[in-house]
Amino acid sequence: MSQKLQKFINHLSKSNGLTLTSILSVADENSWEQNRHVILSTTPFLTLEMAVNRISNNRKRSSIPEPRLIHEAIEYVMEKRSQYAIYNNEKTEEESNAA
Protein backbone atom coordinates (compact mmCIF):
# COMPACT_ATOMS: atom_id res chain seq x y z
CA MET A 1 0.00 0.00 0.00
CA SER A 2 1.37 3.39 -0.94
CA GLN A 3 2.26 5.93 1.71
CA LYS A 4 -0.30 8.38 0.27
CA LEU A 5 -3.06 5.76 0.50
CA GLN A 6 -2.04 4.81 4.03
CA LYS A 7 -2.14 8.48 5.07
CA PHE A 8 -5.66 8.81 3.64
CA ILE A 9 -6.84 5.68 5.45
CA ASN A 10 -5.35 6.97 8.70
CA HIS A 11 -7.59 10.08 8.46
CA LEU A 12 -10.71 7.92 8.37
CA SER A 13 -12.34 6.49 11.47
CA LYS A 14 -10.63 3.38 12.75
CA SER A 15 -13.48 1.12 11.64
CA ASN A 16 -13.67 2.66 8.14
CA GLY A 17 -9.89 2.42 7.80
CA LEU A 18 -9.95 -1.25 8.71
CA THR A 19 -12.85 -1.80 6.33
CA LEU A 20 -10.98 -0.26 3.40
CA THR A 21 -7.81 -2.14 4.19
CA SER A 22 -9.67 -5.43 4.28
CA ILE A 23 -11.75 -4.81 1.15
CA LEU A 24 -8.58 -3.89 -0.74
CA SER A 25 -7.18 -7.30 0.17
CA VAL A 26 -10.24 -9.48 -0.25
CA ALA A 27 -13.32 -8.22 -1.99
CA ASP A 28 -16.26 -10.58 -1.71
CA GLU A 29 -20.00 -10.06 -2.15
CA ASN A 30 -20.71 -9.87 1.57
CA SER A 31 -17.97 -7.35 2.37
CA TRP A 32 -18.93 -5.20 -0.63
CA GLU A 33 -22.60 -5.11 0.40
CA GLN A 34 -21.69 -4.21 3.97
CA ASN A 35 -19.15 -1.55 3.06
CA ARG A 36 -20.13 0.07 -0.22
CA HIS A 37 -21.78 2.96 1.64
CA VAL A 38 -18.69 3.87 3.66
CA ILE A 39 -18.22 7.64 3.43
CA LEU A 40 -14.74 8.40 2.11
CA SER A 41 -15.19 12.14 1.87
CA THR A 42 -17.73 14.57 3.24
CA THR A 43 -16.54 17.49 1.09
CA PRO A 44 -17.14 16.64 -1.69
CA PHE A 45 -19.50 13.92 -0.49
CA LEU A 46 -18.38 10.54 -1.83
CA THR A 47 -19.05 7.02 -0.65
CA LEU A 48 -16.99 4.04 -1.75
CA GLU A 49 -19.70 2.98 -4.19
CA MET A 50 -20.06 6.49 -5.63
CA ALA A 51 -16.31 6.69 -6.23
CA VAL A 52 -16.22 3.27 -7.90
CA ASN A 53 -19.14 4.26 -10.13
CA ARG A 54 -17.50 7.56 -11.10
CA ILE A 55 -14.30 5.94 -12.29
CA SER A 56 -16.34 3.24 -14.04
CA ASN A 57 -18.14 5.92 -16.08
CA ASN A 58 -21.26 5.58 -13.90
CA ARG A 59 -21.99 2.08 -15.13
CA LYS A 60 -24.19 0.07 -12.78
CA ARG A 61 -22.30 -2.89 -11.43
CA SER A 62 -23.62 -6.43 -11.66
CA SER A 63 -20.68 -7.75 -9.67
CA ILE A 64 -18.38 -6.59 -6.95
CA PRO A 65 -15.46 -4.41 -8.04
CA GLU A 66 -11.96 -5.82 -8.08
CA PRO A 67 -9.57 -4.58 -5.37
CA ARG A 68 -7.64 -2.73 -8.11
CA LEU A 69 -10.79 -0.76 -9.01
CA ILE A 70 -11.45 0.00 -5.34
CA HIS A 71 -7.87 1.28 -5.03
CA GLU A 72 -8.39 3.52 -8.08
CA ALA A 73 -11.65 4.79 -6.57
CA ILE A 74 -9.86 5.75 -3.35
CA GLU A 75 -7.21 7.57 -5.37
CA TYR A 76 -10.03 9.40 -7.19
CA VAL A 77 -11.45 10.51 -3.83
CA MET A 78 -8.04 11.72 -2.66
CA GLU A 79 -7.68 13.76 -5.87
CA LYS A 80 -11.15 15.29 -5.55
CA ARG A 81 -10.55 16.22 -1.91
CA SER A 82 -7.26 17.87 -2.88
CA GLN A 83 -8.89 19.80 -5.73
CA TYR A 84 -11.67 20.94 -3.43
CA ALA A 85 -9.18 22.12 -0.79
CA ILE A 86 -7.20 24.10 -3.38
CA TYR A 87 -10.37 25.68 -4.81
CA ASN A 88 -11.72 26.50 -1.37
CA ASN A 89 -8.38 28.04 -0.29
CA GLU A 90 -8.20 30.20 -3.44
CA LYS A 91 -11.77 31.38 -2.89
CA THR A 92 -10.98 32.33 0.72
CA GLU A 93 -7.91 34.30 -0.40
CA GLU A 94 -9.98 36.17 -3.03
CA GLU A 95 -12.54 37.11 -0.38
CA SER A 96 -9.78 38.34 1.95
CA ASN A 97 -8.24 40.47 -0.82
CA ALA A 98 -11.63 41.98 -1.71
CA ALA A 99 -12.18 43.20 1.85
C-alpha atoms as a PDB file:
ATOM      1  CA  MET A   1       0.000   0.000   0.000  1.00  0.00           C
ATOM      2  CA  SER A   2       1.367   3.391  -0.943  1.00  0.00           C
ATOM      3  CA  GLN A   3       2.262   5.931   1.713  1.00  0.00           C
ATOM      4  CA  LYS A   4      -0.295   8.379   0.271  1.00  0.00           C
ATOM      5  CA  LEU A   5      -3.063   5.764   0.501  1.00  0.00           C
ATOM      6  CA  GLN A   6      -2.038   4.812   4.032  1.00  0.00           C
ATOM      7  CA  LYS A   7      -2.140   8.482   5.075  1.00  0.00           C
ATOM      8  CA  PHE A   8      -5.663   8.812   3.636  1.00  0.00           C
ATOM      9  CA  ILE A   9      -6.839   5.679   5.445  1.00  0.00           C
ATOM     10  CA  ASN A  10      -5.347   6.972   8.700  1.00  0.00           C
ATOM     11  CA  HIS A  11      -7.590  10.076   8.456  1.00  0.00           C
ATOM     12  CA  LEU A  12     -10.710   7.916   8.373  1.00  0.00           C
ATOM     13  CA  SER A  13     -12.338   6.493  11.466  1.00  0.00           C
ATOM     14  CA  LYS A  14     -10.627   3.383  12.752  1.00  0.00           C
ATOM     15  CA  SER A  15     -13.481   1.117  11.637  1.00  0.00           C
ATOM     16  CA  ASN A  16     -13.667   2.659   8.136  1.00  0.00           C
ATOM     17  CA  GLY A  17      -9.891   2.424   7.795  1.00  0.00           C
ATOM     18  CA  LEU A  18      -9.953  -1.254   8.715  1.00  0.00           C
ATOM     19  CA  THR A  19     -12.852  -1.802   6.325  1.00  0.00           C
ATOM     20  CA  LEU A  20     -10.982  -0.262   3.400  1.00  0.00           C
ATOM     21  CA  THR A  21      -7.806  -2.139   4.190  1.00  0.00           C
ATOM     22  CA  SER A  22      -9.669  -5.431   4.284  1.00  0.00           C
ATOM     23  CA  ILE A  23     -11.751  -4.811   1.154  1.00  0.00           C
ATOM     24  CA  LEU A  24      -8.578  -3.889  -0.744  1.00  0.00           C
ATOM     25  CA  SER A  25      -7.178  -7.298   0.173  1.00  0.00           C
ATOM     26  CA  VAL A  26     -10.237  -9.481  -0.252  1.00  0.00           C
ATOM     27  CA  ALA A  27     -13.323  -8.220  -1.991  1.00  0.00           C
ATOM     28  CA  ASP A  28     -16.265 -10.578  -1.711  1.00  0.00           C
ATOM     29  CA  GLU A  29     -19.998 -10.058  -2.155  1.00  0.00           C
ATOM     30  CA  ASN A  30     -20.705  -9.866   1.569  1.00  0.00           C
ATOM     31  CA  SER A  31     -17.967  -7.348   2.374  1.00  0.00           C
ATOM     32  CA  TRP A  32     -18.932  -5.200  -0.628  1.00  0.00           C
ATOM     33  CA  GLU A  33     -22.601  -5.110   0.397  1.00  0.00           C
ATOM     34  CA  GLN A  34     -21.690  -4.209   3.975  1.00  0.00           C
ATOM     35  CA  ASN A  35     -19.151  -1.545   3.060  1.00  0.00           C
ATOM     36  CA  ARG A  36     -20.127   0.072  -0.224  1.00  0.00           C
ATOM     37  CA  HIS A  37     -21.785   2.956   1.643  1.00  0.00           C
ATOM     38  CA  VAL A  38     -18.685   3.870   3.664  1.00  0.00           C
ATOM     39  CA  ILE A  39     -18.217   7.637   3.426  1.00  0.00           C
ATOM     40  CA  LEU A  40     -14.738   8.396   2.109  1.00  0.00           C
ATOM     41  CA  SER A  41     -15.192  12.144   1.865  1.00  0.00           C
ATOM     42  CA  THR A  42     -17.729  14.571   3.239  1.00  0.00           C
ATOM     43  CA  THR A  43     -16.541  17.488   1.091  1.00  0.00           C
ATOM     44  CA  PRO A  44     -17.138  16.638  -1.689  1.00  0.00           C
ATOM     45  CA  PHE A  45     -19.503  13.918  -0.493  1.00  0.00           C
ATOM     46  CA  LEU A  46     -18.384  10.539  -1.830  1.00  0.00           C
ATOM     47  CA  THR A  47     -19.055   7.021  -0.653  1.00  0.00           C
ATOM     48  CA  LEU A  48     -16.988   4.043  -1.751  1.00  0.00           C
ATOM     49  CA  GLU A  49     -19.698   2.981  -4.189  1.00  0.00           C
ATOM     50  CA  MET A  50     -20.056   6.491  -5.634  1.00  0.00           C
ATOM     51  CA  ALA A  51     -16.307   6.692  -6.231  1.00  0.00           C
ATOM     52  CA  VAL A  52     -16.216   3.267  -7.903  1.00  0.00           C
ATOM     53  CA  ASN A  53     -19.141   4.256 -10.128  1.00  0.00           C
ATOM     54  CA  ARG A  54     -17.500   7.558 -11.101  1.00  0.00           C
ATOM     55  CA  ILE A  55     -14.298   5.936 -12.286  1.00  0.00           C
ATOM     56  CA  SER A  56     -16.342   3.243 -14.037  1.00  0.00           C
ATOM     57  CA  ASN A  57     -18.138   5.925 -16.076  1.00  0.00           C
ATOM     58  CA  ASN A  58     -21.255   5.575 -13.904  1.00  0.00           C
ATOM     59  CA  ARG A  59     -21.993   2.081 -15.129  1.00  0.00           C
ATOM     60  CA  LYS A  60     -24.186   0.071 -12.782  1.00  0.00           C
ATOM     61  CA  ARG A  61     -22.304  -2.894 -11.430  1.00  0.00           C
ATOM     62  CA  SER A  62     -23.616  -6.425 -11.664  1.00  0.00           C
ATOM     63  CA  SER A  63     -20.675  -7.745  -9.675  1.00  0.00           C
ATOM     64  CA  ILE A  64     -18.376  -6.593  -6.950  1.00  0.00           C
ATOM     65  CA  PRO A  65     -15.459  -4.415  -8.040  1.00  0.00           C
ATOM     66  CA  GLU A  66     -11.957  -5.825  -8.078  1.00  0.00           C
ATOM     67  CA  PRO A  67      -9.568  -4.585  -5.366  1.00  0.00           C
ATOM     68  CA  ARG A  68      -7.641  -2.728  -8.106  1.00  0.00           C
ATOM     69  CA  LEU A  69     -10.786  -0.759  -9.010  1.00  0.00           C
ATOM     70  CA  ILE A  70     -11.451  -0.001  -5.336  1.00  0.00           C
ATOM     71  CA  HIS A  71      -7.874   1.275  -5.029  1.00  0.00           C
ATOM     72  CA  GLU A  72      -8.392   3.522  -8.078  1.00  0.00           C
ATOM     73  CA  ALA A  73     -11.650   4.792  -6.573  1.00  0.00           C
ATOM     74  CA  ILE A  74      -9.861   5.747  -3.349  1.00  0.00           C
ATOM     75  CA  GLU A  75      -7.207   7.573  -5.374  1.00  0.00           C
ATOM     76  CA  TYR A  76     -10.025   9.400  -7.186  1.00  0.00           C
ATOM     77  CA  VAL A  77     -11.449  10.505  -3.825  1.00  0.00           C
ATOM     78  CA  MET A  78      -8.039  11.724  -2.658  1.00  0.00           C
ATOM     79  CA  GLU A  79      -7.677  13.762  -5.867  1.00  0.00           C
ATOM     80  CA  LYS A  80     -11.151  15.286  -5.552  1.00  0.00           C
ATOM     81  CA  ARG A  81     -10.545  16.220  -1.907  1.00  0.00           C
ATOM     82  CA  SER A  82      -7.262  17.867  -2.880  1.00  0.00           C
ATOM     83  CA  GLN A  83      -8.891  19.805  -5.732  1.00  0.00           C
ATOM     84  CA  TYR A  84     -11.674  20.945  -3.426  1.00  0.00           C
ATOM     85  CA  ALA A  85      -9.180  22.123  -0.793  1.00  0.00           C
ATOM     86  CA  ILE A  86      -7.201  24.098  -3.384  1.00  0.00           C
ATOM     87  CA  TYR A  87     -10.365  25.678  -4.815  1.00  0.00           C
ATOM     88  CA  ASN A  88     -11.716  26.504  -1.367  1.00  0.00           C
ATOM     89  CA  ASN A  89      -8.378  28.041  -0.288  1.00  0.00           C
ATOM     90  CA  GLU A  90      -8.196  30.195  -3.437  1.00  0.00           C
ATOM     91  CA  LYS A  91     -11.765  31.381  -2.892  1.00  0.00           C
ATOM     92  CA  THR A  92     -10.978  32.326   0.720  1.00  0.00           C
ATOM     93  CA  GLU A  93      -7.905  34.304  -0.404  1.00  0.00           C
ATOM     94  CA  GLU A  94      -9.977  36.169  -3.027  1.00  0.00           C
ATOM     95  CA  GLU A  95     -12.544  37.113  -0.384  1.00  0.00           C
ATOM     96  CA  SER A  96      -9.782  38.340   1.949  1.00  0.00           C
ATOM     97  CA  ASN A  97      -8.239  40.468  -0.817  1.00  0.00           C
ATOM     98  CA  ALA A  98     -11.630  41.978  -1.714  1.00  0.00           C
ATOM     99  CA  ALA A  99     -12.176  43.195   1.851  1.00  0.00           C
END
